[in-house]
């Protein structure tokens, strides 16, 4: 059985697929690419059994009859976090897990950062909208660095391309060279629901639906939490 996903969920989906196979369900071959590329390939008619993307992207694919709209099922909730390079001055000033208290503190960090990394996915889109809402677009535009498709913001941080990075927490956790300062404060939080759906091109829709149900089961919950995802 074949599936495609965005990069943000690749690790948790791989572990869920392994657990499903151990439980006797069909073996899932998962390919993870940039979310925009994944949606484009599905829309172009490439055959898959399951598609895992942000829920709004799946809804667009459903409207075009590329996935079964009745099968769309939330899998995980992902919060955006802020990271800095491990050896940066900000890392020395802020211990790991020291979150920003409010939006004012985040705006201050954006104003003082030399280069700000953000993703090509839905979290990056939401961040740009928030910056624009704050009236800061002109102020930070020249310092924004969008990660290349398929490249996590964590790599930009580790390789010194940016000194402040914002991406889903699950993409930053455990990455070498990155210190996580915490998720965005409540008054400017960005979260994304990632969901799965059965592709209309599936040759085994019943088996795909069975796998999707397992990914939403209580047995799968502990796997999701290990990857720093919340319940959708």
C-alpha atoms as a PDB file:
ATOM      1  CA  UNK A   1       0.000   0.000   0.000  1.00  0.00           C
ATOM      2  CA  UNK A   2       1.387   3.395  -1.018  1.00  0.00           C
ATOM      3  CA  UNK A   3       1.074   6.743   0.781  1.00  0.00           C
ATOM      4  CA  UNK A   4       2.432  10.255   0.468  1.00  0.00           C
ATOM      5  CA  UNK A   5       2.795  12.882   3.196  1.00  0.00           C
ATOM      6  CA  UNK A   6       4.331  16.239   3.935  1.00  0.00           C
ATOM      7  CA  UNK A   7       7.679  16.302   5.712  1.00  0.00           C
ATOM      8  CA  UNK A   8       6.158  17.502   8.991  1.00  0.00           C
ATOM      9  CA  UNK A   9       4.608  14.116   9.812  1.00  0.00           C
ATOM     10  CA  UNK A  10       7.123  11.744   8.255  1.00  0.00           C
ATOM     11  CA  UNK A  11       8.599  10.377  11.497  1.00  0.00           C
ATOM     12  CA  UNK A  12       5.342   9.793  13.349  1.00  0.00           C
ATOM     13  CA  UNK A  13       3.698   8.245  10.293  1.00  0.00           C
ATOM     14  CA  UNK A  14       6.649   5.891   9.808  1.00  0.00           C
ATOM     15  CA  UNK A  15       6.318   4.685  13.405  1.00  0.00           C
ATOM     16  CA  UNK A  16       2.540   4.379  13.096  1.00  0.00           C
ATOM     17  CA  UNK A  17       2.946   2.351   9.914  1.00  0.00           C
ATOM     18  CA  UNK A  18       5.419   0.046  11.658  1.00  0.00           C
ATOM     19  CA  UNK A  19       3.013  -0.471  14.566  1.00  0.00           C
ATOM     20  CA  UNK A  20       0.157  -1.150  12.163  1.00  0.00           C
ATOM     21  CA  UNK A  21       2.184  -3.766  10.314  1.00  0.00           C
ATOM     22  CA  UNK A  22       3.053  -5.424  13.630  1.00  0.00           C
ATOM     23  CA  UNK A  23      -0.690  -5.566  14.343  1.00  0.00           C
ATOM     24  CA  UNK A  24      -1.277  -7.448  11.096  1.00  0.00           C
ATOM     25  CA  UNK A  25      -2.461  -4.548   8.946  1.00  0.00           C
ATOM     26  CA  UNK A  26      -1.205  -3.917   5.397  1.00  0.00           C
ATOM     27  CA  UNK A  27       2.394  -2.746   5.006  1.00  0.00           C
ATOM     28  CA  UNK A  28       2.513   0.936   4.141  1.00  0.00           C
ATOM     29  CA  UNK A  29       5.175   2.375   1.857  1.00  0.00           C
ATOM     30  CA  UNK A  30       5.375   6.042   2.813  1.00  0.00           C
ATOM     31  CA  UNK A  31       7.003   8.800   0.781  1.00  0.00           C
ATOM     32  CA  UNK A  32       7.421  12.177   2.469  1.00  0.00           C
ATOM     33  CA  UNK A  33       8.071  15.339   0.465  1.00  0.00           C
ATOM     34  CA  UNK A  34       7.238  19.015   0.741  1.00  0.00           C
ATOM     35  CA  UNK A  35       3.516  19.520   1.284  1.00  0.00           C
ATOM     36  CA  UNK A  36       3.083  21.609  -1.862  1.00  0.00           C
ATOM     37  CA  UNK A  37       4.800  18.935  -3.950  1.00  0.00           C
ATOM     38  CA  UNK A  38       2.726  16.178  -2.344  1.00  0.00           C
ATOM     39  CA  UNK A  39      -0.548  17.942  -3.140  1.00  0.00           C
ATOM     40  CA  UNK A  40       0.607  18.660  -6.686  1.00  0.00           C
ATOM     41  CA  UNK A  41       1.455  15.017  -7.349  1.00  0.00           C
ATOM     42  CA  UNK A  42      -1.877  13.804  -5.996  1.00  0.00           C
ATOM     43  CA  UNK A  43      -3.730  16.404  -8.066  1.00  0.00           C
ATOM     44  CA  UNK A  44      -1.782  15.293 -11.149  1.00  0.00           C
ATOM     45  CA  UNK A  45      -3.242  11.803 -10.768  1.00  0.00           C
ATOM     46  CA  UNK A  46      -0.273   9.905  -9.369  1.00  0.00           C
ATOM     47  CA  UNK A  47      -1.720   6.769  -7.728  1.00  0.00           C
ATOM     48  CA  UNK A  48      -1.681   6.529  -3.938  1.00  0.00           C
ATOM     49  CA  UNK A  49      -3.759   4.699  -1.388  1.00  0.00           C
ATOM     50  CA  UNK A  50      -3.459   7.254   1.414  1.00  0.00           C
ATOM     51  CA  UNK A  51      -2.608  10.950   1.511  1.00  0.00           C
ATOM     52  CA  UNK A  52      -1.477  12.757   4.692  1.00  0.00           C
ATOM     53  CA  UNK A  53      -1.454  16.563   4.606  1.00  0.00           C
ATOM     54  CA  UNK A  54      -2.765  19.582   6.485  1.00  0.00           C
ATOM     55  CA  UNK A  55      -6.529  19.257   6.669  1.00  0.00           C
ATOM     56  CA  UNK A  56      -7.215  22.294   4.458  1.00  0.00           C
ATOM     57  CA  UNK A  57      -4.969  20.872   1.723  1.00  0.00           C
ATOM     58  CA  UNK A  58      -6.884  17.590   1.869  1.00  0.00           C
ATOM     59  CA  UNK A  59     -10.174  19.454   1.642  1.00  0.00           C
ATOM     60  CA  UNK A  60      -8.984  21.142  -1.545  1.00  0.00           C
ATOM     61  CA  UNK A  61      -7.985  17.767  -2.984  1.00  0.00           C
ATOM     62  CA  UNK A  62     -11.370  16.363  -1.956  1.00  0.00           C
ATOM     63  CA  UNK A  63     -13.171  19.192  -3.778  1.00  0.00           C
ATOM     64  CA  UNK A  64     -11.289  18.126  -6.912  1.00  0.00           C
ATOM     65  CA  UNK A  65     -12.175  14.447  -6.272  1.00  0.00           C
ATOM     66  CA  UNK A  66      -8.593  13.314  -5.703  1.00  0.00           C
ATOM     67  CA  UNK A  67      -9.350  12.005  -2.204  1.00  0.00           C
ATOM     68  CA  UNK A  68     -12.582  10.697  -0.714  1.00  0.00           C
ATOM     69  CA  UNK A  69     -14.065  13.592   1.296  1.00  0.00           C
ATOM     70  CA  UNK A  70     -15.874  11.217   3.659  1.00  0.00           C
ATOM     71  CA  UNK A  71     -12.561   9.582   4.586  1.00  0.00           C
ATOM     72  CA  UNK A  72     -10.740  12.736   5.771  1.00  0.00           C
ATOM     73  CA  UNK A  73      -9.689  12.004   9.360  1.00  0.00           C
ATOM     74  CA  UNK A  74      -7.632  14.244  11.686  1.00  0.00           C
ATOM     75  CA  UNK A  75      -4.481  12.450  12.871  1.00  0.00           C
ATOM     76  CA  UNK A  76      -2.395  14.916  14.898  1.00  0.00           C
ATOM     77  CA  UNK A  77      -2.272  18.519  16.071  1.00  0.00           C
ATOM     78  CA  UNK A  78       1.064  20.231  15.570  1.00  0.00           C
ATOM     79  CA  UNK A  79       2.091  23.447  17.337  1.00  0.00           C
ATOM     80  CA  UNK A  80       4.696  25.846  16.019  1.00  0.00           C
ATOM     81  CA  UNK A  81       7.757  26.347  18.187  1.00  0.00           C
ATOM     82  CA  UNK A  82      10.766  28.655  18.138  1.00  0.00           C
ATOM     83  CA  UNK A  83      14.326  27.396  17.914  1.00  0.00           C
ATOM     84  CA  UNK A  84      17.804  28.906  17.866  1.00  0.00           C
ATOM     85  CA  UNK A  85      21.208  27.424  17.010  1.00  0.00           C
ATOM     86  CA  UNK A  86      22.652  25.570  20.009  1.00  0.00           C
ATOM     87  CA  UNK A  87      25.719  27.788  20.309  1.00  0.00           C
ATOM     88  CA  UNK A  88      24.060  31.122  19.597  1.00  0.00           C
ATOM     89  CA  UNK A  89      23.960  34.007  22.119  1.00  0.00           C
ATOM     90  CA  UNK A  90      20.169  33.559  22.367  1.00  0.00           C
ATOM     91  CA  UNK A  91      20.670  29.931  23.358  1.00  0.00           C
ATOM     92  CA  UNK A  92      23.006  31.018  26.148  1.00  0.00           C
ATOM     93  CA  UNK A  93      20.526  33.618  27.399  1.00  0.00           C
ATOM     94  CA  UNK A  94      17.465  31.380  27.189  1.00  0.00           C
ATOM     95  CA  UNK A  95      17.548  27.817  28.550  1.00  0.00           C
ATOM     96  CA  UNK A  96      15.837  25.157  26.471  1.00  0.00           C
ATOM     97  CA  UNK A  97      12.090  25.208  27.022  1.00  0.00           C
ATOM     98  CA  UNK A  98      12.024  28.890  27.982  1.00  0.00           C
ATOM     99  CA  UNK A  99       9.014  29.965  25.983  1.00  0.00           C
ATOM    100  CA  UNK A 100       8.107  33.513  25.058  1.00  0.00           C
ATOM    101  CA  UNK A 101       5.554  34.838  27.529  1.00  0.00           C
ATOM    102  CA  UNK A 102       3.423  36.704  25.006  1.00  0.00           C
ATOM    103  CA  UNK A 103       3.229  38.128  21.488  1.00  0.00           C
ATOM    104  CA  UNK A 104       5.187  41.233  22.495  1.00  0.00           C
ATOM    105  CA  UNK A 105       8.208  39.093  23.386  1.00  0.00           C
ATOM    106  CA  UNK A 106       7.958  37.228  20.083  1.00  0.00           C
ATOM    107  CA  UNK A 107       7.747  40.490  18.123  1.00  0.00           C
ATOM    108  CA  UNK A 108      10.856  41.714  19.961  1.00  0.00           C
ATOM    109  CA  UNK A 109      12.708  38.526  19.017  1.00  0.00           C
ATOM    110  CA  UNK A 110      11.713  38.939  15.372  1.00  0.00           C
ATOM    111  CA  UNK A 111      12.929  42.528  15.389  1.00  0.00           C
ATOM    112  CA  UNK A 112      16.355  41.629  16.775  1.00  0.00           C
ATOM    113  CA  UNK A 113      16.972  38.444  14.746  1.00  0.00           C
ATOM    114  CA  UNK A 114      19.446  38.752  11.877  1.00  0.00           C
ATOM    115  CA  UNK A 115      17.794  35.987   9.822  1.00  0.00           C
ATOM    116  CA  UNK A 116      14.426  34.341  10.494  1.00  0.00           C
ATOM    117  CA  UNK A 117      13.773  30.865   9.165  1.00  0.00           C
ATOM    118  CA  UNK A 118      10.288  29.618   8.349  1.00  0.00           C
ATOM    119  CA  UNK A 119       8.802  26.693   6.463  1.00  0.00           C
ATOM    120  CA  UNK A 120       7.108  26.274   3.087  1.00  0.00           C
ATOM    121  CA  UNK A 121       4.177  24.533   4.787  1.00  0.00           C
ATOM    122  CA  UNK A 122       1.012  25.853   6.452  1.00  0.00           C
ATOM    123  CA  UNK A 123       2.894  27.062   9.528  1.00  0.00           C
ATOM    124  CA  UNK A 124       5.019  29.324   7.337  1.00  0.00           C
ATOM    125  CA  UNK A 125       1.949  30.737   5.626  1.00  0.00           C
ATOM    126  CA  UNK A 126       0.322  31.462   8.980  1.00  0.00           C
ATOM    127  CA  UNK A 127       3.488  33.120  10.265  1.00  0.00           C
ATOM    128  CA  UNK A 128       3.622  35.488   7.285  1.00  0.00           C
ATOM    129  CA  UNK A 129      -0.037  36.386   7.779  1.00  0.00           C
ATOM    130  CA  UNK A 130       0.596  37.088  11.457  1.00  0.00           C
ATOM    131  CA  UNK A 131       3.632  39.270  10.698  1.00  0.00           C
ATOM    132  CA  UNK A 132       1.546  41.187   8.177  1.00  0.00           C
ATOM    133  CA  UNK A 133      -1.267  41.589  10.711  1.00  0.00           C
ATOM    134  CA  UNK A 134       1.262  43.099  13.117  1.00  0.00           C
ATOM    135  CA  UNK A 135       2.360  45.566  10.437  1.00  0.00           C
ATOM    136  CA  UNK A 136       5.913  44.184  10.475  1.00  0.00           C
ATOM    137  CA  UNK A 137       6.214  42.860   6.917  1.00  0.00           C
ATOM    138  CA  UNK A 138       8.354  45.718   5.597  1.00  0.00           C
ATOM    139  CA  UNK A 139      10.461  45.637   8.748  1.00  0.00           C
ATOM    140  CA  UNK A 140      11.437  41.960   8.526  1.00  0.00           C
ATOM    141  CA  UNK A 141      10.998  41.087   4.846  1.00  0.00           C
ATOM    142  CA  UNK A 142      14.702  41.215   3.980  1.00  0.00           C
ATOM    143  CA  UNK A 143      15.544  38.990   6.951  1.00  0.00           C
ATOM    144  CA  UNK A 144      13.032  36.219   6.239  1.00  0.00           C
ATOM    145  CA  UNK A 145      14.522  32.963   4.935  1.00  0.00           C
ATOM    146  CA  UNK A 146      12.079  30.375   3.656  1.00  0.00           C
ATOM    147  CA  UNK A 147      13.359  26.820   3.909  1.00  0.00           C
ATOM    148  CA  UNK A 148      13.691  25.093   0.569  1.00  0.00           C
ATOM    149  CA  UNK A 149      11.017  22.452  -0.170  1.00  0.00           C
ATOM    150  CA  UNK A 150      11.797  19.297   1.782  1.00  0.00           C
ATOM    151  CA  UNK A 151      14.391  21.053   3.970  1.00  0.00           C
ATOM    152  CA  UNK A 152      13.450  21.479   7.648  1.00  0.00           C
ATOM    153  CA  UNK A 153      14.028  24.782   9.400  1.00  0.00           C
ATOM    154  CA  UNK A 154      16.112  22.817  11.900  1.00  0.00           C
ATOM    155  CA  UNK A 155      18.765  22.353   9.233  1.00  0.00           C
ATOM    156  CA  UNK A 156      18.875  26.090   8.564  1.00  0.00           C
ATOM    157  CA  UNK A 157      19.454  26.637  12.279  1.00  0.00           C
ATOM    158  CA  UNK A 158      22.082  23.924  12.637  1.00  0.00           C
ATOM    159  CA  UNK A 159      24.006  25.142   9.589  1.00  0.00           C
ATOM    160  CA  UNK A 160      23.918  28.777  10.690  1.00  0.00           C
ATOM    161  CA  UNK A 161      21.757  30.052   7.829  1.00  0.00           C
ATOM    162  CA  UNK A 162      19.316  31.592  10.322  1.00  0.00           C
ATOM    163  CA  UNK A 163      19.565  32.598  13.964  1.00  0.00           C
ATOM    164  CA  UNK A 164      15.851  32.236  14.758  1.00  0.00           C
ATOM    165  CA  UNK A 165      13.619  29.525  13.331  1.00  0.00           C
ATOM    166  CA  UNK A 166       9.894  28.838  13.547  1.00  0.00           C
ATOM    167  CA  UNK A 167       8.418  25.474  12.565  1.00  0.00           C
ATOM    168  CA  UNK A 168       6.282  22.673  13.957  1.00  0.00           C
ATOM    169  CA  UNK A 169       7.634  21.463  17.287  1.00  0.00           C
ATOM    170  CA  UNK A 170       7.824  17.897  15.975  1.00  0.00           C
ATOM    171  CA  UNK A 171      10.256  19.052  13.289  1.00  0.00           C
ATOM    172  CA  UNK A 172      12.605  20.655  15.826  1.00  0.00           C
ATOM    173  CA  UNK A 173      12.581  18.062  18.615  1.00  0.00           C
ATOM    174  CA  UNK A 174      15.758  15.985  18.776  1.00  0.00           C
ATOM    175  CA  UNK A 175      17.469  17.750  15.891  1.00  0.00           C
ATOM    176  CA  UNK A 176      21.212  18.308  16.360  1.00  0.00           C
ATOM    177  CA  UNK A 177      22.414  21.884  16.630  1.00  0.00           C
ATOM    178  CA  UNK A 178      19.006  23.238  17.669  1.00  0.00           C
ATOM    179  CA  UNK A 179      17.818  24.567  21.016  1.00  0.00           C
ATOM    180  CA  UNK A 180      14.038  24.798  21.337  1.00  0.00           C
ATOM    181  CA  UNK A 181      12.850  27.863  23.223  1.00  0.00           C
ATOM    182  CA  UNK A 182       9.247  26.653  23.344  1.00  0.00           C
ATOM    183  CA  UNK A 183       5.976  26.792  21.451  1.00  0.00           C
ATOM    184  CA  UNK A 184       4.499  30.138  20.507  1.00  0.00           C
ATOM    185  CA  UNK A 185       2.624  31.895  23.326  1.00  0.00           C
ATOM    186  CA  UNK A 186      -1.144  31.519  23.555  1.00  0.00           C
ATOM    187  CA  UNK A 187      -1.909  34.985  22.186  1.00  0.00           C
ATOM    188  CA  UNK A 188      -0.141  34.237  18.894  1.00  0.00           C
ATOM    189  CA  UNK A 189      -0.126  30.436  18.752  1.00  0.00           C
ATOM    190  CA  UNK A 190      -0.016  28.708  15.373  1.00  0.00           C
ATOM    191  CA  UNK A 191      -1.226  25.138  15.131  1.00  0.00           C
ATOM    192  CA  UNK A 192      -1.933  22.829  12.228  1.00  0.00           C
ATOM    193  CA  UNK A 193      -4.170  19.774  12.091  1.00  0.00           C
ATOM    194  CA  UNK A 194      -2.663  17.084   9.890  1.00  0.00           C
ATOM    195  CA  UNK A 195      -5.124  14.540   8.559  1.00  0.00           C
ATOM    196  CA  UNK A 196      -5.231  11.472   6.391  1.00  0.00           C
ATOM    197  CA  UNK A 197      -7.574  10.541   3.561  1.00  0.00           C
ATOM    198  CA  UNK A 198      -8.126   7.630   1.205  1.00  0.00           C
ATOM    199  CA  UNK A 199      -7.104   8.543  -2.317  1.00  0.00           C
ATOM    200  CA  UNK A 200      -9.668   8.002  -5.042  1.00  0.00           C
ATOM    201  CA  UNK A 201      -6.887   6.293  -7.006  1.00  0.00           C
ATOM    202  CA  UNK A 202      -6.487   3.604  -4.315  1.00  0.00           C
ATOM    203  CA  UNK A 203      -6.710   0.008  -5.492  1.00  0.00           C
ATOM    204  CA  UNK A 204      -7.542  -1.087  -1.934  1.00  0.00           C
ATOM    205  CA  UNK A 205      -9.769   1.574  -0.403  1.00  0.00           C
ATOM    206  CA  UNK A 206     -11.012  -0.759   2.333  1.00  0.00           C
ATOM    207  CA  UNK A 207      -7.462  -1.596   3.440  1.00  0.00           C
ATOM    208  CA  UNK A 208      -6.494   2.073   3.330  1.00  0.00           C
ATOM    209  CA  UNK A 209      -9.472   2.984   5.518  1.00  0.00           C
ATOM    210  CA  UNK A 210      -8.485   0.261   7.985  1.00  0.00           C
ATOM    211  CA  UNK A 211      -4.982   1.696   8.269  1.00  0.00           C
ATOM    212  CA  UNK A 212      -6.391   5.179   8.726  1.00  0.00           C
ATOM    213  CA  UNK A 213      -8.603   3.937  11.562  1.00  0.00           C
ATOM    214  CA  UNK A 214      -5.574   2.405  13.282  1.00  0.00           C
ATOM    215  CA  UNK A 215      -3.696   5.713  13.022  1.00  0.00           C
ATOM    216  CA  UNK A 216      -6.558   7.300  15.007  1.00  0.00           C
ATOM    217  CA  UNK A 217      -6.850   4.536  17.593  1.00  0.00           C
ATOM    218  CA  UNK A 218      -5.944   4.627  21.283  1.00  0.00           C
ATOM    219  CA  UNK A 219      -3.031   2.309  20.473  1.00  0.00           C
ATOM    220  CA  UNK A 220      -1.559   5.023  18.259  1.00  0.00           C
ATOM    221  CA  UNK A 221      -1.876   7.825  20.822  1.00  0.00           C
ATOM    222  CA  UNK A 222       1.321   7.001  22.712  1.00  0.00           C
ATOM    223  CA  UNK A 223       3.329   6.978  19.469  1.00  0.00           C
ATOM    224  CA  UNK A 224       2.043  10.434  18.590  1.00  0.00           C
ATOM    225  CA  UNK A 225       2.943  11.849  21.989  1.00  0.00           C
ATOM    226  CA  UNK A 226       6.499  10.546  21.662  1.00  0.00           C
ATOM    227  CA  UNK A 227       6.823  12.755  18.572  1.00  0.00           C
ATOM    228  CA  UNK A 228       5.497  15.850  20.398  1.00  0.00           C
ATOM    229  CA  UNK A 229       2.160  15.857  18.598  1.00  0.00           C
ATOM    230  CA  UNK A 230      -1.122  16.587  20.332  1.00  0.00           C
ATOM    231  CA  UNK A 231      -4.589  15.188  19.805  1.00  0.00           C
ATOM    232  CA  UNK A 232      -6.460  16.916  16.966  1.00  0.00           C
END
